[in-house]
Amino acid sequence: MPKAFFMVRAVIADPADRPRFDHWYRTEHLPEARAAFGAKAAWRCWSRTDPREHLAFYEFDNAAAAEAVPALPALKDLIAEFDRVWGDRVTRSREILMTAD
């Protein structure tokens, strides 16, 4: 059965922000988002191609669960906290992904 993911791509404009962002995302944001979304699993990566790019993946049992994330009230709260902490120093985009058979 295909797996579904909600993915957040963040671009950290200033390399000096990377250590603080890395710590904050690992210790605060990722665990809070995983719990708020009801994700089965969550992990994150730094791009080796573009060291400014950070990717976070939240795994769900089905597409419907991943597709429900953008409408969750908890997402709005997480976005507000992200914006409070990072302002315009980090840009983000979000995608819903499915594994290919």
N, C-alpha and C. Protein backbone atom coordinates (compact mmCIF):
# COMPACT_ATOMS: atom_id res chain seq x y z
N MET A 1 0.84 -1.18 0.00
CA MET A 1 0.00 0.00 0.00
C MET A 1 0.89 1.25 0.00
N PRO A 2 0.60 2.22 -0.84
CA PRO A 2 1.41 3.45 -0.88
C PRO A 2 1.35 4.20 0.45
N LYS A 3 2.43 4.88 0.77
CA LYS A 3 2.49 5.72 1.97
C LYS A 3 2.25 7.16 1.56
N ALA A 4 1.70 7.94 2.47
CA ALA A 4 1.43 9.35 2.22
C ALA A 4 2.26 10.20 3.18
N PHE A 5 2.67 11.36 2.68
CA PHE A 5 3.52 12.25 3.47
C PHE A 5 3.07 13.70 3.30
N PHE A 6 3.19 14.44 4.36
CA PHE A 6 3.09 15.89 4.32
C PHE A 6 4.53 16.38 4.47
N MET A 7 4.99 17.17 3.52
CA MET A 7 6.39 17.61 3.53
C MET A 7 6.45 19.13 3.62
N VAL A 8 7.38 19.62 4.42
CA VAL A 8 7.63 21.06 4.52
C VAL A 8 9.07 21.31 4.11
N ARG A 9 9.23 22.17 3.11
CA ARG A 9 10.56 22.59 2.65
C ARG A 9 10.80 23.98 3.19
N ALA A 10 11.90 24.16 3.91
CA ALA A 10 12.27 25.47 4.45
C ALA A 10 13.62 25.87 3.88
N VAL A 11 13.75 27.15 3.55
CA VAL A 11 15.02 27.67 3.06
C VAL A 11 15.49 28.72 4.06
N ILE A 12 16.64 28.47 4.65
CA ILE A 12 17.23 29.34 5.65
C ILE A 12 18.20 30.27 4.93
N ALA A 13 17.82 31.53 4.82
CA ALA A 13 18.58 32.48 4.01
C ALA A 13 19.99 32.75 4.55
N ASP A 14 20.12 32.87 5.85
CA ASP A 14 21.41 33.21 6.47
C ASP A 14 22.04 31.96 7.08
N PRO A 15 23.19 31.53 6.58
CA PRO A 15 23.83 30.33 7.13
C PRO A 15 24.08 30.42 8.64
N ALA A 16 24.20 31.61 9.17
CA ALA A 16 24.42 31.78 10.62
C ALA A 16 23.20 31.32 11.42
N ASP A 17 22.01 31.30 10.80
CA ASP A 17 20.79 30.85 11.48
C ASP A 17 20.66 29.33 11.53
N ARG A 18 21.45 28.62 10.74
CA ARG A 18 21.26 27.18 10.62
C ARG A 18 21.40 26.42 11.94
N PRO A 19 22.45 26.65 12.75
CA PRO A 19 22.54 25.87 14.00
C PRO A 19 21.35 26.09 14.94
N ARG A 20 20.91 27.32 15.08
CA ARG A 20 19.76 27.61 15.95
C ARG A 20 18.49 27.00 15.37
N PHE A 21 18.30 27.13 14.05
CA PHE A 21 17.13 26.53 13.39
C PHE A 21 17.14 25.02 13.59
N ASP A 22 18.29 24.40 13.37
CA ASP A 22 18.42 22.95 13.49
C ASP A 22 18.01 22.49 14.89
N HIS A 23 18.52 23.15 15.91
CA HIS A 23 18.20 22.78 17.28
C HIS A 23 16.71 22.99 17.57
N TRP A 24 16.19 24.15 17.20
CA TRP A 24 14.79 24.47 17.45
C TRP A 24 13.87 23.48 16.75
N TYR A 25 14.13 23.18 15.49
CA TYR A 25 13.26 22.27 14.74
C TYR A 25 13.30 20.87 15.34
N ARG A 26 14.51 20.42 15.70
CA ARG A 26 14.68 19.06 16.24
C ARG A 26 14.02 18.91 17.60
N THR A 27 14.20 19.89 18.49
CA THR A 27 13.76 19.73 19.87
C THR A 27 12.36 20.24 20.14
N GLU A 28 11.88 21.19 19.32
CA GLU A 28 10.56 21.77 19.58
C GLU A 28 9.57 21.53 18.44
N HIS A 29 9.90 22.04 17.29
CA HIS A 29 8.89 22.09 16.22
C HIS A 29 8.51 20.71 15.68
N LEU A 30 9.48 19.87 15.38
CA LEU A 30 9.16 18.55 14.81
C LEU A 30 8.30 17.73 15.76
N PRO A 31 8.67 17.60 17.05
CA PRO A 31 7.81 16.80 17.94
C PRO A 31 6.41 17.39 18.11
N GLU A 32 6.32 18.72 18.17
CA GLU A 32 5.01 19.36 18.32
C GLU A 32 4.15 19.13 17.07
N ALA A 33 4.76 19.29 15.90
CA ALA A 33 4.02 19.10 14.65
C ALA A 33 3.58 17.65 14.49
N ARG A 34 4.46 16.71 14.80
CA ARG A 34 4.09 15.30 14.67
C ARG A 34 2.87 14.99 15.53
N ALA A 35 2.89 15.45 16.78
CA ALA A 35 1.76 15.19 17.68
C ALA A 35 0.49 15.90 17.18
N ALA A 36 0.63 17.15 16.76
CA ALA A 36 -0.53 17.93 16.32
C ALA A 36 -1.18 17.34 15.07
N PHE A 37 -0.35 16.79 14.17
CA PHE A 37 -0.87 16.23 12.93
C PHE A 37 -1.37 14.80 13.10
N GLY A 38 -0.98 14.14 14.19
CA GLY A 38 -1.29 12.73 14.35
C GLY A 38 -0.52 11.87 13.38
N ALA A 39 0.70 12.32 13.05
CA ALA A 39 1.53 11.59 12.09
C ALA A 39 2.06 10.30 12.70
N LYS A 40 2.17 9.30 11.85
CA LYS A 40 2.70 7.99 12.24
C LYS A 40 4.19 8.10 12.57
N ALA A 41 4.90 8.92 11.81
CA ALA A 41 6.34 9.14 12.01
C ALA A 41 6.69 10.51 11.45
N ALA A 42 7.83 11.02 11.88
CA ALA A 42 8.31 12.31 11.36
C ALA A 42 9.84 12.29 11.39
N TRP A 43 10.43 12.90 10.38
CA TRP A 43 11.88 13.03 10.32
C TRP A 43 12.22 14.23 9.46
N ARG A 44 13.47 14.59 9.47
CA ARG A 44 13.90 15.76 8.72
C ARG A 44 15.27 15.54 8.12
N CYS A 45 15.60 16.36 7.14
CA CYS A 45 16.86 16.23 6.42
C CYS A 45 17.37 17.62 6.04
N TRP A 46 18.67 17.70 5.86
CA TRP A 46 19.29 18.86 5.23
C TRP A 46 19.72 18.44 3.84
N SER A 47 19.48 19.29 2.88
CA SER A 47 19.88 19.00 1.51
C SER A 47 21.40 19.05 1.38
N ARG A 48 21.95 18.09 0.68
CA ARG A 48 23.38 18.10 0.37
C ARG A 48 23.62 18.93 -0.90
N THR A 49 22.58 19.12 -1.69
CA THR A 49 22.69 19.91 -2.92
C THR A 49 22.67 21.40 -2.60
N ASP A 50 21.76 21.79 -1.71
CA ASP A 50 21.63 23.19 -1.30
C ASP A 50 21.60 23.22 0.22
N PRO A 51 22.72 23.56 0.88
CA PRO A 51 22.79 23.50 2.34
C PRO A 51 21.85 24.47 3.07
N ARG A 52 21.19 25.34 2.34
CA ARG A 52 20.19 26.23 2.95
C ARG A 52 18.85 25.54 3.10
N GLU A 53 18.67 24.40 2.44
CA GLU A 53 17.36 23.74 2.37
C GLU A 53 17.20 22.65 3.41
N HIS A 54 16.11 22.77 4.18
CA HIS A 54 15.75 21.81 5.22
C HIS A 54 14.40 21.20 4.82
N LEU A 55 14.27 19.88 4.95
CA LEU A 55 13.03 19.18 4.59
C LEU A 55 12.54 18.40 5.80
N ALA A 56 11.25 18.52 6.07
CA ALA A 56 10.63 17.75 7.15
C ALA A 56 9.51 16.90 6.54
N PHE A 57 9.47 15.64 6.93
CA PHE A 57 8.48 14.69 6.41
C PHE A 57 7.64 14.15 7.56
N TYR A 58 6.34 14.13 7.34
CA TYR A 58 5.39 13.57 8.30
C TYR A 58 4.65 12.45 7.58
N GLU A 59 4.74 11.24 8.12
CA GLU A 59 4.16 10.07 7.45
C GLU A 59 2.77 9.75 7.99
N PHE A 60 1.87 9.37 7.05
CA PHE A 60 0.50 9.02 7.39
C PHE A 60 0.14 7.68 6.75
N ASP A 61 -0.88 7.04 7.29
CA ASP A 61 -1.32 5.74 6.79
C ASP A 61 -2.00 5.83 5.43
N ASN A 62 -2.53 7.00 5.10
CA ASN A 62 -3.25 7.12 3.83
C ASN A 62 -3.24 8.57 3.36
N ALA A 63 -3.59 8.75 2.10
CA ALA A 63 -3.59 10.08 1.48
C ALA A 63 -4.56 11.02 2.16
N ALA A 64 -5.72 10.51 2.55
CA ALA A 64 -6.74 11.38 3.17
C ALA A 64 -6.19 12.03 4.44
N ALA A 65 -5.45 11.28 5.22
CA ALA A 65 -4.89 11.84 6.46
C ALA A 65 -3.86 12.93 6.16
N ALA A 66 -3.00 12.70 5.17
CA ALA A 66 -2.02 13.72 4.80
C ALA A 66 -2.70 14.95 4.21
N GLU A 67 -3.71 14.73 3.40
CA GLU A 67 -4.43 15.84 2.75
C GLU A 67 -5.24 16.66 3.75
N ALA A 68 -5.52 16.10 4.91
CA ALA A 68 -6.28 16.83 5.94
C ALA A 68 -5.40 17.82 6.71
N VAL A 69 -4.10 17.65 6.68
CA VAL A 69 -3.21 18.50 7.48
C VAL A 69 -3.37 19.99 7.19
N PRO A 70 -3.41 20.44 5.93
CA PRO A 70 -3.52 21.89 5.70
C PRO A 70 -4.75 22.54 6.32
N ALA A 71 -5.80 21.79 6.58
CA ALA A 71 -7.02 22.35 7.16
C ALA A 71 -7.05 22.26 8.68
N LEU A 72 -6.06 21.64 9.29
CA LEU A 72 -6.06 21.48 10.75
C LEU A 72 -5.84 22.82 11.45
N PRO A 73 -6.64 23.14 12.45
CA PRO A 73 -6.40 24.36 13.23
C PRO A 73 -5.00 24.37 13.84
N ALA A 74 -4.49 23.20 14.20
CA ALA A 74 -3.15 23.11 14.80
C ALA A 74 -2.07 23.59 13.83
N LEU A 75 -2.28 23.41 12.53
CA LEU A 75 -1.29 23.89 11.57
C LEU A 75 -1.19 25.41 11.63
N LYS A 76 -2.31 26.08 11.74
CA LYS A 76 -2.29 27.54 11.84
C LYS A 76 -1.51 27.99 13.07
N ASP A 77 -1.68 27.29 14.18
CA ASP A 77 -0.93 27.62 15.40
C ASP A 77 0.57 27.39 15.21
N LEU A 78 0.92 26.28 14.56
CA LEU A 78 2.33 25.99 14.31
C LEU A 78 2.95 27.02 13.37
N ILE A 79 2.20 27.43 12.36
CA ILE A 79 2.69 28.46 11.43
C ILE A 79 2.90 29.78 12.17
N ALA A 80 1.96 30.14 13.02
CA ALA A 80 2.08 31.39 13.78
C ALA A 80 3.32 31.36 14.67
N GLU A 81 3.57 30.24 15.33
CA GLU A 81 4.76 30.12 16.18
C GLU A 81 6.03 30.16 15.33
N PHE A 82 6.02 29.47 14.20
CA PHE A 82 7.18 29.48 13.30
C PHE A 82 7.48 30.92 12.87
N ASP A 83 6.44 31.64 12.46
CA ASP A 83 6.62 33.02 12.02
C ASP A 83 7.10 33.92 13.16
N ARG A 84 6.63 33.67 14.37
CA ARG A 84 7.06 34.45 15.52
C ARG A 84 8.56 34.26 15.76
N VAL A 85 9.02 33.03 15.67
CA VAL A 85 10.42 32.72 15.94
C VAL A 85 11.32 33.12 14.79
N TRP A 86 10.90 32.87 13.54
CA TRP A 86 11.79 33.03 12.38
C TRP A 86 11.46 34.21 11.47
N GLY A 87 10.27 34.77 11.60
CA GLY A 87 9.91 35.91 10.76
C GLY A 87 10.13 35.62 9.29
N ASP A 88 10.74 36.57 8.60
CA ASP A 88 10.98 36.39 7.17
C ASP A 88 12.37 35.83 6.87
N ARG A 89 13.07 35.33 7.90
CA ARG A 89 14.41 34.76 7.69
C ARG A 89 14.36 33.36 7.08
N VAL A 90 13.18 32.72 7.14
CA VAL A 90 13.01 31.36 6.60
C VAL A 90 11.75 31.35 5.74
N THR A 91 11.88 30.90 4.49
CA THR A 91 10.71 30.73 3.63
C THR A 91 10.34 29.26 3.59
N ARG A 92 9.05 28.99 3.39
CA ARG A 92 8.59 27.61 3.41
C ARG A 92 7.62 27.33 2.28
N SER A 93 7.57 26.06 1.91
CA SER A 93 6.54 25.55 1.02
C SER A 93 6.14 24.19 1.54
N ARG A 94 4.94 23.76 1.17
CA ARG A 94 4.41 22.49 1.67
C ARG A 94 3.89 21.66 0.51
N GLU A 95 4.04 20.34 0.63
CA GLU A 95 3.55 19.44 -0.41
C GLU A 95 3.00 18.18 0.24
N ILE A 96 2.09 17.54 -0.47
CA ILE A 96 1.58 16.24 -0.06
C ILE A 96 2.10 15.25 -1.08
N LEU A 97 2.71 14.18 -0.59
CA LEU A 97 3.39 13.21 -1.44
C LEU A 97 2.85 11.81 -1.20
N MET A 98 2.93 10.97 -2.22
CA MET A 98 2.59 9.55 -2.11
C MET A 98 3.74 8.76 -2.71
N THR A 99 4.03 7.62 -2.09
CA THR A 99 5.04 6.74 -2.68
C THR A 99 4.49 6.16 -3.98
N ALA A 100 5.38 5.94 -4.91
CA ALA A 100 4.99 5.33 -6.19
C ALA A 100 5.10 3.81 -6.05
N ASP A 101 4.20 3.10 -6.67
CA ASP A 101 4.26 1.64 -6.65
C ASP A 101 5.34 1.12 -7.56
